[in-house]
N, C-alpha and C. Protein backbone atom coordinates (compact mmCIF):
# COMPACT_ATOMS: atom_id res chain seq x y z
N UNK A 1 4.41 -4.60 6.61
CA UNK A 1 3.02 -4.53 6.24
C UNK A 1 2.07 -4.55 7.27
N UNK A 2 2.33 -5.37 8.32
CA UNK A 2 1.37 -5.72 9.46
C UNK A 2 1.27 -4.33 10.24
N UNK A 3 2.25 -3.59 10.47
CA UNK A 3 2.09 -2.38 11.16
C UNK A 3 1.38 -1.42 10.44
N UNK A 4 1.44 -1.33 9.04
CA UNK A 4 0.61 -0.43 8.35
C UNK A 4 -0.95 -0.75 8.37
N UNK A 5 -1.21 -2.02 8.28
CA UNK A 5 -2.54 -2.63 8.30
C UNK A 5 -3.15 -2.24 9.78
N UNK A 6 -2.27 -2.33 10.78
CA UNK A 6 -2.64 -1.96 12.14
C UNK A 6 -3.10 -0.52 12.29
N UNK A 7 -2.32 0.36 11.66
CA UNK A 7 -2.55 1.84 11.50
C UNK A 7 -3.84 2.04 10.88
N UNK A 8 -4.09 1.48 9.62
CA UNK A 8 -5.23 1.66 8.86
C UNK A 8 -6.42 1.13 9.63
N UNK A 9 -6.30 -0.01 10.31
CA UNK A 9 -7.43 -0.68 11.02
C UNK A 9 -7.94 0.17 12.11
N UNK A 10 -6.93 0.80 12.77
CA UNK A 10 -7.32 1.79 13.85
C UNK A 10 -8.12 3.01 13.29
N UNK A 11 -7.95 3.35 12.06
CA UNK A 11 -8.72 4.50 11.58
C UNK A 11 -10.12 4.04 11.08
N UNK A 12 -10.08 2.70 10.55
CA UNK A 12 -11.43 2.21 10.04
C UNK A 12 -11.54 0.84 10.22
N UNK A 13 -11.96 0.17 11.42
CA UNK A 13 -11.84 -1.18 11.74
C UNK A 13 -12.86 -1.94 10.87
N UNK A 14 -13.77 -1.29 10.27
CA UNK A 14 -14.61 -2.09 9.32
C UNK A 14 -14.27 -2.46 7.80
N UNK A 15 -12.92 -1.94 7.61
CA UNK A 15 -12.48 -2.04 6.16
C UNK A 15 -11.48 -3.11 6.14
N UNK A 16 -11.60 -3.93 5.01
CA UNK A 16 -10.52 -4.92 4.83
C UNK A 16 -9.50 -4.43 4.06
N UNK A 17 -8.48 -3.86 4.65
CA UNK A 17 -7.20 -3.23 4.10
C UNK A 17 -6.39 -4.12 3.31
N UNK A 18 -6.51 -5.35 3.48
CA UNK A 18 -5.55 -6.40 2.74
C UNK A 18 -6.10 -6.42 1.30
N UNK A 19 -7.39 -6.08 1.06
CA UNK A 19 -7.84 -6.19 -0.41
C UNK A 19 -8.43 -5.08 -0.93
N UNK A 20 -8.72 -4.09 -0.34
CA UNK A 20 -9.34 -2.77 -0.65
C UNK A 20 -8.31 -2.01 -1.58
N UNK A 21 -8.73 -1.55 -2.66
CA UNK A 21 -7.68 -0.74 -3.67
C UNK A 21 -8.30 0.39 -4.02
N UNK A 22 -9.31 0.93 -3.40
CA UNK A 22 -9.93 2.28 -3.73
C UNK A 22 -10.20 3.10 -2.46
N UNK A 23 -9.20 3.09 -1.65
CA UNK A 23 -9.26 3.83 -0.24
C UNK A 23 -9.69 5.38 -0.38
N UNK A 24 -8.97 6.00 -1.38
CA UNK A 24 -9.39 7.42 -1.70
C UNK A 24 -10.46 7.58 -2.56
N UNK A 25 -10.33 6.76 -3.64
CA UNK A 25 -11.37 6.84 -4.81
C UNK A 25 -12.81 6.66 -4.35
N UNK A 26 -12.88 5.49 -3.32
CA UNK A 26 -14.09 5.17 -2.86
C UNK A 26 -14.48 5.94 -1.58
N UNK A 27 -13.64 6.92 -1.19
CA UNK A 27 -14.20 7.83 -0.09
C UNK A 27 -13.85 7.15 1.20
N UNK A 28 -13.17 6.13 1.38
CA UNK A 28 -12.85 5.38 2.58
C UNK A 28 -12.19 6.27 3.54
N UNK A 29 -11.02 6.70 2.92
CA UNK A 29 -10.11 7.70 3.56
C UNK A 29 -10.44 9.18 3.16
N UNK A 30 -10.54 10.09 4.23
CA UNK A 30 -10.68 11.57 3.84
C UNK A 30 -9.47 12.29 4.15
N UNK A 31 -9.43 13.55 3.97
CA UNK A 31 -8.19 14.22 3.99
C UNK A 31 -7.62 14.18 5.51
N UNK A 32 -8.58 14.20 6.43
CA UNK A 32 -7.98 14.06 7.90
C UNK A 32 -7.48 12.73 8.16
N UNK A 33 -8.00 11.71 7.60
CA UNK A 33 -7.44 10.39 7.70
C UNK A 33 -6.00 10.26 7.05
N UNK A 34 -5.83 11.06 6.01
CA UNK A 34 -4.63 11.04 5.35
C UNK A 34 -3.50 11.82 6.17
N UNK A 35 -3.85 12.97 6.86
CA UNK A 35 -3.09 13.56 7.58
C UNK A 35 -2.56 12.68 8.99
N UNK A 36 -3.60 11.90 9.42
CA UNK A 36 -3.25 11.04 10.60
C UNK A 36 -2.45 9.94 10.07
N UNK A 37 -2.60 9.34 8.89
CA UNK A 37 -1.76 8.37 8.44
C UNK A 37 -0.52 8.88 8.17
N UNK A 38 -0.30 10.07 7.62
CA UNK A 38 1.22 10.52 7.40
C UNK A 38 1.80 10.77 8.63
N UNK A 39 1.18 11.19 9.68
CA UNK A 39 1.71 11.22 11.10
C UNK A 39 2.10 10.03 11.68
N UNK A 40 1.27 8.89 11.53
CA UNK A 40 1.54 7.64 12.07
C UNK A 40 2.63 6.92 11.23
N UNK A 41 2.64 7.16 9.94
CA UNK A 41 3.88 6.61 9.16
C UNK A 41 5.00 7.18 9.49
N UNK A 42 5.16 8.49 9.73
CA UNK A 42 6.35 9.15 10.04
C UNK A 42 6.89 8.49 11.57
N UNK A 43 5.99 8.39 12.48
CA UNK A 43 6.38 7.76 13.65
C UNK A 43 6.72 6.41 13.69
N UNK A 44 6.02 5.56 13.11
CA UNK A 44 6.39 4.10 13.06
C UNK A 44 7.34 3.54 12.09
N UNK A 45 7.36 4.28 10.83
CA UNK A 45 8.46 3.82 9.90
C UNK A 45 9.61 4.78 9.89
N UNK A 46 9.56 5.81 10.55
CA UNK A 46 10.70 6.94 10.50
C UNK A 46 11.06 7.29 9.02
N UNK A 47 10.00 7.55 8.18
CA UNK A 47 9.96 8.34 6.82
C UNK A 47 9.05 9.48 6.85
N UNK A 48 9.69 10.36 6.17
CA UNK A 48 8.69 11.64 6.08
C UNK A 48 8.22 11.62 4.62
N UNK A 49 6.85 11.67 4.46
CA UNK A 49 6.24 11.74 3.08
C UNK A 49 6.27 13.23 2.66
N UNK A 50 6.89 13.44 1.58
CA UNK A 50 6.95 14.86 1.05
C UNK A 50 5.51 15.10 0.30
N UNK A 51 5.28 16.42 0.23
CA UNK A 51 3.96 16.91 -0.45
C UNK A 51 3.75 16.30 -1.56
N UNK A 52 4.81 16.25 -2.57
CA UNK A 52 4.51 15.82 -3.99
C UNK A 52 4.17 14.32 -3.90
N UNK A 53 4.34 13.51 -2.95
CA UNK A 53 3.83 12.13 -2.93
C UNK A 53 2.45 11.97 -2.27
N UNK A 54 1.86 13.08 -1.82
CA UNK A 54 0.57 13.05 -1.34
C UNK A 54 -0.57 13.16 -2.46
N UNK A 55 -0.61 11.97 -3.12
CA UNK A 55 -1.65 11.85 -4.26
C UNK A 55 -2.41 10.48 -4.11
N UNK A 56 -3.66 10.55 -4.59
CA UNK A 56 -4.45 9.41 -4.34
C UNK A 56 -3.87 8.05 -4.80
N UNK A 57 -3.12 8.03 -5.88
CA UNK A 57 -2.59 6.78 -6.15
C UNK A 57 -1.63 6.08 -5.09
N UNK A 58 -1.01 6.96 -4.34
CA UNK A 58 -0.26 6.56 -3.23
C UNK A 58 -1.05 6.10 -1.93
N UNK A 59 -2.27 6.40 -1.84
CA UNK A 59 -3.08 6.24 -0.60
C UNK A 59 -4.27 5.33 -0.95
N UNK A 60 -4.37 4.72 -2.14
CA UNK A 60 -5.57 4.05 -2.55
C UNK A 60 -5.47 2.53 -1.96
N UNK A 61 -4.53 2.08 -1.46
CA UNK A 61 -4.47 0.70 -0.96
C UNK A 61 -3.18 0.53 -0.08
N UNK A 62 -3.39 -0.39 0.77
CA UNK A 62 -2.19 -0.72 1.72
C UNK A 62 -0.95 -1.05 1.01
N UNK A 63 -1.07 -1.77 -0.17
CA UNK A 63 0.00 -2.21 -0.86
C UNK A 63 0.75 -0.98 -1.54
N UNK A 64 -0.11 0.14 -2.00
CA UNK A 64 0.49 1.26 -2.49
C UNK A 64 1.22 2.12 -1.47
N UNK A 65 0.48 2.23 -0.23
CA UNK A 65 1.29 2.79 0.77
C UNK A 65 2.57 2.12 1.13
N UNK A 66 2.60 0.89 1.13
CA UNK A 66 3.77 0.26 1.60
C UNK A 66 4.72 0.44 0.68
N UNK A 67 4.50 0.46 -0.76
CA UNK A 67 5.39 0.80 -1.76
C UNK A 67 6.03 2.10 -1.60
N UNK A 68 5.23 3.05 -1.09
CA UNK A 68 5.70 4.47 -0.91
C UNK A 68 6.71 4.42 0.21
N UNK A 69 6.41 3.90 1.32
CA UNK A 69 7.16 3.77 2.42
C UNK A 69 8.39 3.19 2.11
N UNK A 70 8.49 2.07 1.41
CA UNK A 70 9.76 1.37 1.17
C UNK A 70 10.54 2.35 0.21
N UNK A 71 9.89 2.90 -0.74
CA UNK A 71 10.65 3.84 -1.57
C UNK A 71 11.26 4.97 -0.91
N UNK A 72 10.55 5.52 0.10
CA UNK A 72 11.11 6.58 0.92
C UNK A 72 12.19 6.16 1.84
N UNK A 73 12.10 4.99 2.31
CA UNK A 73 13.10 4.35 3.24
C UNK A 73 14.30 4.14 2.52
N UNK A 74 14.28 3.99 1.24
CA UNK A 74 15.60 3.77 0.44
C UNK A 74 16.45 4.97 0.12
N UNK A 75 15.56 6.13 0.15
CA UNK A 75 16.26 7.49 -0.15
C UNK A 75 17.05 7.94 0.87
């Protein structure tokens, strides 16, 4: 989770990613941020996020993103 928080903090240093649960819904992450996130996650976690998983629910919080990464890592 630390690596993920670090990636997110690099995008938006002013956001508390440990507690924020509306990253997409509240407009904190935009489409460019999500593309950057997908690239960074692929590089750092060695998982590929398929198009069908690119939905707001998976990107609304660090916990949701971590759950997605762990799920993809098991596949």
